[in-house]
C-alpha atoms as a PDB file:
ATOM      1  CA  MET A   1     -44.075  15.344   0.437  1.00  0.00           C
ATOM      2  CA  LYS A   2     -46.292  13.735  -2.209  1.00  0.00           C
ATOM      3  CA  ILE A   3     -43.410  13.816  -4.694  1.00  0.00           C
ATOM      4  CA  VAL A   4     -41.108  12.094  -2.214  1.00  0.00           C
ATOM      5  CA  ARG A   5     -43.698   9.395  -1.494  1.00  0.00           C
ATOM      6  CA  LEU A   6     -44.278   8.849  -5.196  1.00  0.00           C
ATOM      7  CA  ALA A   7     -40.543   8.508  -5.818  1.00  0.00           C
ATOM      8  CA  CYS A   8     -40.236   5.992  -3.004  1.00  0.00           C
ATOM      9  CA  ALA A   9     -43.156   3.981  -4.347  1.00  0.00           C
ATOM     10  CA  MET A  10     -41.659   3.941  -7.837  1.00  0.00           C
ATOM     11  CA  THR A  11     -38.310   2.811  -6.416  1.00  0.00           C
ATOM     12  CA  ALA A  12     -40.007  -0.061  -4.600  1.00  0.00           C
ATOM     13  CA  VAL A  13     -41.857  -1.131  -7.738  1.00  0.00           C
ATOM     14  CA  LEU A  14     -38.675  -1.044  -9.803  1.00  0.00           C
ATOM     15  CA  ALA A  15     -36.801  -3.056  -7.167  1.00  0.00           C
ATOM     16  CA  LEU A  16     -39.552  -5.666  -7.126  1.00  0.00           C
ATOM     17  CA  ALA A  17     -39.539  -5.852 -10.910  1.00  0.00           C
ATOM     18  CA  GLY A  18     -35.796  -6.396 -10.849  1.00  0.00           C
ATOM     19  CA  CYS A  19     -36.219  -9.318  -8.466  1.00  0.00           C
ATOM     20  CA  ASN A  20     -38.820 -10.873 -10.752  1.00  0.00           C
ATOM     21  CA  ARG A  21     -36.921 -10.432 -14.007  1.00  0.00           C
ATOM     22  CA  HIS A  22     -35.705 -13.476 -15.891  1.00  0.00           C
ATOM     23  CA  THR A  23     -31.895 -13.306 -15.941  1.00  0.00           C
ATOM     24  CA  PRO A  24     -30.613 -16.162 -18.155  1.00  0.00           C
ATOM     25  CA  GLY A  25     -27.092 -14.754 -18.240  1.00  0.00           C
ATOM     26  CA  LYS A  26     -26.793 -15.056 -14.459  1.00  0.00           C
ATOM     27  CA  MET A  27     -28.781 -18.283 -14.062  1.00  0.00           C
ATOM     28  CA  THR A  28     -26.765 -21.242 -12.776  1.00  0.00           C
ATOM     29  CA  PHE A  29     -29.588 -23.292 -11.228  1.00  0.00           C
ATOM     30  CA  PHE A  30     -33.088 -24.289 -12.242  1.00  0.00           C
ATOM     31  CA  VAL A  31     -35.752 -26.961 -11.962  1.00  0.00           C
ATOM     32  CA  THR A  32     -36.537 -28.683 -15.248  1.00  0.00           C
ATOM     33  CA  SER A  33     -39.837 -27.624 -16.788  1.00  0.00           C
ATOM     34  CA  SER A  34     -40.414 -31.001 -18.453  1.00  0.00           C
ATOM     35  CA  PRO A  35     -39.393 -34.647 -17.922  1.00  0.00           C
ATOM     36  CA  ALA A  36     -36.382 -36.006 -19.807  1.00  0.00           C
ATOM     37  CA  GLY A  37     -38.011 -39.335 -20.666  1.00  0.00           C
ATOM     38  CA  ALA A  38     -40.541 -41.919 -19.579  1.00  0.00           C
ATOM     39  CA  GLY A  39     -40.563 -42.134 -15.801  1.00  0.00           C
ATOM     40  CA  GLY A  40     -37.078 -42.954 -14.526  1.00  0.00           C
ATOM     41  CA  ALA A  41     -35.802 -43.941 -17.980  1.00  0.00           C
ATOM     42  CA  ILE A  42     -34.110 -40.651 -18.882  1.00  0.00           C
ATOM     43  CA  GLY A  43     -30.965 -41.870 -20.628  1.00  0.00           C
ATOM     44  CA  GLY A  44     -28.736 -42.139 -17.583  1.00  0.00           C
ATOM     45  CA  LEU A  45     -26.644 -39.260 -16.328  1.00  0.00           C
ATOM     46  CA  GLU A  46     -25.672 -38.341 -19.881  1.00  0.00           C
ATOM     47  CA  GLY A  47     -29.284 -38.065 -20.990  1.00  0.00           C
ATOM     48  CA  ALA A  48     -30.182 -36.003 -17.937  1.00  0.00           C
ATOM     49  CA  ASP A  49     -27.241 -33.644 -18.514  1.00  0.00           C
ATOM     50  CA  ALA A  50     -28.214 -33.207 -22.156  1.00  0.00           C
ATOM     51  CA  HIS A  51     -31.769 -32.345 -21.090  1.00  0.00           C
ATOM     52  CA  CYS A  52     -30.452 -29.682 -18.713  1.00  0.00           C
ATOM     53  CA  GLN A  53     -28.279 -28.267 -21.491  1.00  0.00           C
ATOM     54  CA  ARG A  54     -31.149 -28.090 -23.988  1.00  0.00           C
ATOM     55  CA  LEU A  55     -33.537 -26.409 -21.582  1.00  0.00           C
ATOM     56  CA  ALA A  56     -30.950 -23.881 -20.403  1.00  0.00           C
ATOM     57  CA  GLU A  57     -29.934 -22.871 -23.915  1.00  0.00           C
ATOM     58  CA  ALA A  58     -33.559 -22.610 -25.042  1.00  0.00           C
ATOM     59  CA  ALA A  59     -34.115 -20.232 -22.123  1.00  0.00           C
ATOM     60  CA  GLY A  60     -31.232 -18.005 -23.243  1.00  0.00           C
ATOM     61  CA  SER A  61     -28.332 -19.330 -21.167  1.00  0.00           C
ATOM     62  CA  LYS A  62     -25.167 -19.382 -23.282  1.00  0.00           C
ATOM     63  CA  GLY A  63     -21.605 -20.550 -22.702  1.00  0.00           C
ATOM     64  CA  ARG A  64     -22.306 -22.730 -19.668  1.00  0.00           C
ATOM     65  CA  THR A  65     -22.078 -26.474 -19.129  1.00  0.00           C
ATOM     66  CA  TRP A  66     -25.052 -27.926 -17.269  1.00  0.00           C
ATOM     67  CA  HIS A  67     -25.298 -31.096 -15.182  1.00  0.00           C
ATOM     68  CA  ALA A  68     -28.240 -32.781 -13.524  1.00  0.00           C
ATOM     69  CA  TYR A  69     -28.218 -33.119  -9.749  1.00  0.00           C
ATOM     70  CA  LEU A  70     -28.396 -36.925  -9.783  1.00  0.00           C
ATOM     71  CA  SER A  71     -26.393 -39.661  -8.113  1.00  0.00           C
ATOM     72  CA  ALA A  72     -25.693 -43.053  -9.705  1.00  0.00           C
ATOM     73  CA  ALA A  73     -24.656 -46.413  -8.239  1.00  0.00           C
ATOM     74  CA  ALA A  74     -21.493 -48.295  -9.151  1.00  0.00           C
ATOM     75  CA  GLU A  75     -22.113 -50.437 -12.214  1.00  0.00           C
ATOM     76  CA  GLY A  76     -20.179 -52.265 -14.927  1.00  0.00           C
ATOM     77  CA  GLY A  77     -16.804 -51.497 -13.399  1.00  0.00           C
ATOM     78  CA  LYS A  78     -17.637 -47.799 -13.057  1.00  0.00           C
ATOM     79  CA  PRO A  79     -17.564 -46.233  -9.596  1.00  0.00           C
ATOM     80  CA  ALA A  80     -20.570 -44.692  -7.900  1.00  0.00           C
ATOM     81  CA  VAL A  81     -21.279 -41.038  -8.675  1.00  0.00           C
ATOM     82  CA  ASN A  82     -22.381 -38.508  -6.060  1.00  0.00           C
ATOM     83  CA  ALA A  83     -24.683 -35.718  -7.194  1.00  0.00           C
ATOM     84  CA  ARG A  84     -22.665 -33.173  -5.205  1.00  0.00           C
ATOM     85  CA  ASP A  85     -19.524 -34.036  -7.172  1.00  0.00           C
ATOM     86  CA  ARG A  86     -21.122 -33.257 -10.544  1.00  0.00           C
ATOM     87  CA  ILE A  87     -22.270 -29.658 -10.167  1.00  0.00           C
ATOM     88  CA  GLY A  88     -19.212 -27.454  -9.678  1.00  0.00           C
ATOM     89  CA  ARG A  89     -18.413 -25.342  -6.649  1.00  0.00           C
ATOM     90  CA  GLY A  90     -20.957 -22.491  -6.762  1.00  0.00           C
ATOM     91  CA  PRO A  91     -22.241 -19.946  -6.111  1.00  0.00           C
ATOM     92  CA  TRP A  92     -25.566 -20.698  -7.806  1.00  0.00           C
ATOM     93  CA  PHE A  93     -28.343 -18.323  -8.811  1.00  0.00           C
ATOM     94  CA  ASN A  94     -31.842 -19.136  -9.996  1.00  0.00           C
ATOM     95  CA  ALA A  95     -33.514 -17.849 -13.160  1.00  0.00           C
ATOM     96  CA  ARG A  96     -34.435 -14.567 -11.464  1.00  0.00           C
ATOM     97  CA  GLY A  97     -30.952 -13.877 -10.174  1.00  0.00           C
ATOM     98  CA  ILE A  98     -31.585 -14.925  -6.566  1.00  0.00           C
ATOM     99  CA  ARG A  99     -28.690 -16.767  -4.937  1.00  0.00           C
ATOM    100  CA  ILE A 100     -29.745 -20.195  -3.712  1.00  0.00           C
ATOM    101  CA  ALA A 101     -26.345 -21.273  -2.326  1.00  0.00           C
ATOM    102  CA  ALA A 102     -22.826 -19.865  -2.088  1.00  0.00           C
ATOM    103  CA  SER A 103     -20.930 -23.167  -2.114  1.00  0.00           C
ATOM    104  CA  LEU A 104     -21.333 -26.940  -1.932  1.00  0.00           C
ATOM    105  CA  GLU A 105     -21.249 -26.739   1.844  1.00  0.00           C
ATOM    106  CA  ASP A 106     -23.925 -24.042   1.842  1.00  0.00           C
ATOM    107  CA  LEU A 107     -26.070 -25.995  -0.638  1.00  0.00           C
ATOM    108  CA  HIS A 108     -26.055 -29.055   1.615  1.00  0.00           C
ATOM    109  CA  SER A 109     -26.698 -27.149   4.827  1.00  0.00           C
ATOM    110  CA  PRO A 110     -30.023 -25.942   6.285  1.00  0.00           C
ATOM    111  CA  ASN A 111     -29.029 -22.437   5.164  1.00  0.00           C
ATOM    112  CA  ASN A 112     -29.548 -22.965   1.426  1.00  0.00           C
ATOM    113  CA  HIS A 113     -32.370 -21.082  -0.256  1.00  0.00           C
ATOM    114  CA  ILE A 114     -34.094 -23.767  -2.316  1.00  0.00           C
ATOM    115  CA  ASP A 115     -37.792 -23.664  -1.461  1.00  0.00           C
ATOM    116  CA  ARG A 116     -41.148 -22.807  -3.022  1.00  0.00           C
ATOM    117  CA  GLN A 117     -40.125 -19.143  -3.264  1.00  0.00           C
ATOM    118  CA  THR A 118     -36.910 -19.766  -5.217  1.00  0.00           C
ATOM    119  CA  ALA A 119     -37.188 -23.133  -7.027  1.00  0.00           C
ATOM    120  CA  PHE A 120     -37.875 -21.620 -10.450  1.00  0.00           C
ATOM    121  CA  GLN A 121     -37.860 -23.335 -13.806  1.00  0.00           C
ATOM    122  CA  GLU A 122     -35.460 -22.237 -16.542  1.00  0.00           C
ATOM    123  CA  HIS A 123     -37.739 -19.475 -17.847  1.00  0.00           C
ATOM    124  CA  GLY A 124     -38.236 -18.029 -14.376  1.00  0.00           C
ATOM    125  CA  ASN A 125     -41.603 -19.647 -13.659  1.00  0.00           C
ATOM    126  CA  ARG A 126     -42.249 -20.578 -10.054  1.00  0.00           C
ATOM    127  CA  MET A 127     -42.221 -24.309  -9.280  1.00  0.00           C
ATOM    128  CA  ILE A 128     -45.299 -25.064  -7.170  1.00  0.00           C
ATOM    129  CA  PHE A 129     -46.565 -28.539  -8.091  1.00  0.00           C
ATOM    130  CA  PRO A 130     -45.508 -31.258  -8.609  1.00  0.00           C
ATOM    131  CA  HIS A 131     -42.756 -30.917  -6.028  1.00  0.00           C
ATOM    132  CA  ASP A 132     -41.000 -34.308  -6.086  1.00  0.00           C
ATOM    133  CA  MET A 133     -37.540 -34.037  -7.697  1.00  0.00           C
ATOM    134  CA  LEU A 134     -35.394 -36.995  -8.770  1.00  0.00           C
ATOM    135  CA  THR A 135     -32.042 -37.083  -6.958  1.00  0.00           C
ATOM    136  CA  GLY A 136     -31.072 -40.609  -5.863  1.00  0.00           C
ATOM    137  CA  SER A 137     -29.170 -38.909  -3.067  1.00  0.00           C
ATOM    138  CA  ASN A 138     -28.714 -38.575   0.651  1.00  0.00           C
ATOM    139  CA  ALA A 139     -29.091 -35.161   2.258  1.00  0.00           C
ATOM    140  CA  ASP A 140     -25.339 -34.549   1.920  1.00  0.00           C
ATOM    141  CA  GLY A 141     -25.469 -35.148  -1.834  1.00  0.00           C
ATOM    142  CA  THR A 142     -23.937 -38.629  -1.832  1.00  0.00           C
ATOM    143  CA  ILE A 143     -25.451 -41.684  -3.491  1.00  0.00           C
ATOM    144  CA  ALA A 144     -28.293 -43.170  -1.435  1.00  0.00           C
ATOM    145  CA  ASP A 145     -28.021 -46.818  -0.418  1.00  0.00           C
ATOM    146  CA  GLY A 146     -29.939 -49.586  -2.131  1.00  0.00           C
ATOM    147  CA  ASP A 147     -32.550 -49.275  -4.868  1.00  0.00           C
ATOM    148  CA  ALA A 148     -32.611 -45.492  -5.239  1.00  0.00           C
ATOM    149  CA  THR A 149     -31.837 -44.447  -8.834  1.00  0.00           C
ATOM    150  CA  CYS A 150     -34.257 -46.267 -11.192  1.00  0.00           C
ATOM    151  CA  HIS A 151     -31.314 -48.446 -12.237  1.00  0.00           C
ATOM    152  CA  ASN A 152     -29.087 -45.436 -12.770  1.00  0.00           C
ATOM    153  CA  TRP A 153     -31.837 -43.467 -14.524  1.00  0.00           C
ATOM    154  CA  THR A 154     -32.307 -45.980 -17.335  1.00  0.00           C
ATOM    155  CA  SER A 155     -35.439 -47.868 -16.294  1.00  0.00           C
ATOM    156  CA  THR A 156     -39.097 -47.619 -15.345  1.00  0.00           C
ATOM    157  CA  THR A 157     -38.558 -50.379 -12.772  1.00  0.00           C
ATOM    158  CA  GLY A 158     -37.137 -49.907  -9.302  1.00  0.00           C
ATOM    159  CA  HIS A 159     -37.350 -46.823  -7.100  1.00  0.00           C
ATOM    160  CA  ALA A 160     -35.788 -43.384  -6.728  1.00  0.00           C
ATOM    161  CA  VAL A 161     -34.957 -41.131  -3.817  1.00  0.00           C
ATOM    162  CA  LEU A 162     -36.809 -37.849  -4.268  1.00  0.00           C
ATOM    163  CA  GLY A 163     -36.436 -34.348  -2.858  1.00  0.00           C
ATOM    164  CA  HIS A 164     -39.104 -31.698  -2.245  1.00  0.00           C
ATOM    165  CA  SER A 165     -38.514 -28.500  -4.205  1.00  0.00           C
ATOM    166  CA  ASP A 166     -40.860 -26.619  -1.868  1.00  0.00           C
ATOM    167  CA  ARG A 167     -39.425 -28.305   1.245  1.00  0.00           C
ATOM    168  CA  GLN A 168     -42.911 -29.281   2.311  1.00  0.00           C
ATOM    169  CA  GLY A 169     -44.969 -32.453   2.405  1.00  0.00           C
ATOM    170  CA  GLY A 170     -46.212 -35.181   4.670  1.00  0.00           C
ATOM    171  CA  LEU A 171     -44.344 -38.200   3.331  1.00  0.00           C
ATOM    172  CA  GLY A 172     -41.019 -39.808   4.073  1.00  0.00           C
ATOM    173  CA  ARG A 173     -38.003 -39.538   6.289  1.00  0.00           C
ATOM    174  CA  ASP A 174     -37.481 -35.790   5.855  1.00  0.00           C
ATOM    175  CA  SER A 175     -40.302 -33.958   4.105  1.00  0.00           C
ATOM    176  CA  ASP A 176     -38.427 -30.658   4.493  1.00  0.00           C
ATOM    177  CA  SER A 177     -35.462 -31.883   2.451  1.00  0.00           C
ATOM    178  CA  TRP A 178     -34.932 -30.440  -1.026  1.00  0.00           C
ATOM    179  CA  ASN A 179     -32.871 -33.468  -2.094  1.00  0.00           C
ATOM    180  CA  SER A 180     -33.674 -36.477   0.120  1.00  0.00           C
ATOM    181  CA  ALA A 181     -37.288 -36.431   1.294  1.00  0.00           C
ATOM    182  CA  HIS A 182     -38.546 -39.958   0.534  1.00  0.00           C
ATOM    183  CA  LEU A 183     -38.446 -42.952  -1.795  1.00  0.00           C
ATOM    184  CA  SER A 184     -40.714 -43.126  -4.831  1.00  0.00           C
ATOM    185  CA  GLU A 185     -43.369 -45.825  -5.136  1.00  0.00           C
ATOM    186  CA  GLY A 186     -41.773 -46.913  -8.402  1.00  0.00           C
ATOM    187  CA  CYS A 187     -40.088 -45.557 -11.518  1.00  0.00           C
ATOM    188  CA  THR A 188     -43.004 -45.217 -13.910  1.00  0.00           C
ATOM    189  CA  ALA A 189     -44.603 -41.855 -14.633  1.00  0.00           C
ATOM    190  CA  GLU A 190     -47.691 -43.069 -12.796  1.00  0.00           C
ATOM    191  CA  ALA A 191     -45.644 -44.013  -9.719  1.00  0.00           C
ATOM    192  CA  PHE A 192     -44.040 -40.568  -9.664  1.00  0.00           C
ATOM    193  CA  ARG A 193     -47.421 -38.852  -9.957  1.00  0.00           C
ATOM    194  CA  SER A 194     -48.842 -40.853  -7.061  1.00  0.00           C
ATOM    195  CA  THR A 195     -46.726 -38.913  -4.559  1.00  0.00           C
ATOM    196  CA  GLY A 196     -46.559 -35.551  -6.335  1.00  0.00           C
ATOM    197  CA  GLY A 197     -43.923 -35.813  -9.052  1.00  0.00           C
ATOM    198  CA  SER A 198     -43.472 -36.048 -12.803  1.00  0.00           C
ATOM    199  CA  GLY A 199     -39.826 -37.010 -13.246  1.00  0.00           C
ATOM    200  CA  LEU A 200     -38.386 -33.502 -12.943  1.00  0.00           C
ATOM    201  CA  PHE A 201     -34.955 -32.764 -11.478  1.00  0.00           C
ATOM    202  CA  TYR A 202     -32.497 -29.993 -10.605  1.00  0.00           C
ATOM    203  CA  CYS A 203     -29.919 -28.602 -13.044  1.00  0.00           C
ATOM    204  CA  PHE A 204     -26.725 -26.766 -12.056  1.00  0.00           C
ATOM    205  CA  ALA A 205     -24.151 -24.952 -14.185  1.00  0.00           C
ATOM    206  CA  ILE A 206     -20.667 -26.253 -13.440  1.00  0.00           C
ATOM    207  CA  ASN A 207     -18.947 -23.119 -14.800  1.00  0.00           C
END
């Protein structure tokens, strides 16, 4: 009986260890561990994508193309860009191999699994605070109306729509939303910090 109990305990420990293991080869989603620039000036969508790519590859992810989950307004003859249209079709797994969404529809439904238990950074570290994530998006992943993207992620002036990686908080229109919780107070690093952010954002592998 003792042997059986010991075997069961060892199995449970091994299973837990497997859930906590960093799995860069399977990772297709993470929260950035560092800002890409000064406040909202992160080099536009291209700069944000490059930041995702650098962080992912430094964490051991190879052979994938990474995009930031950011929307951008129409500008200079270019059409508006929806964050949901930039990130592939899924499914997506975090840095510990836990599936956070099976598809775009799942990702933008209440059934997705982005929260304080799964919003890990690229090395598998849990994201606890700050929890404000840059998105510039509505809850369905489309570009938010008005002044919502720090001038398409090129400026420290303006505002940005933010999501809550832990799906908690007391501010805004939907504090439980991972991608559209409230508007920032500004686009400087100080403005982000005032509500619990530091200019971090979500990265998704499109392949």
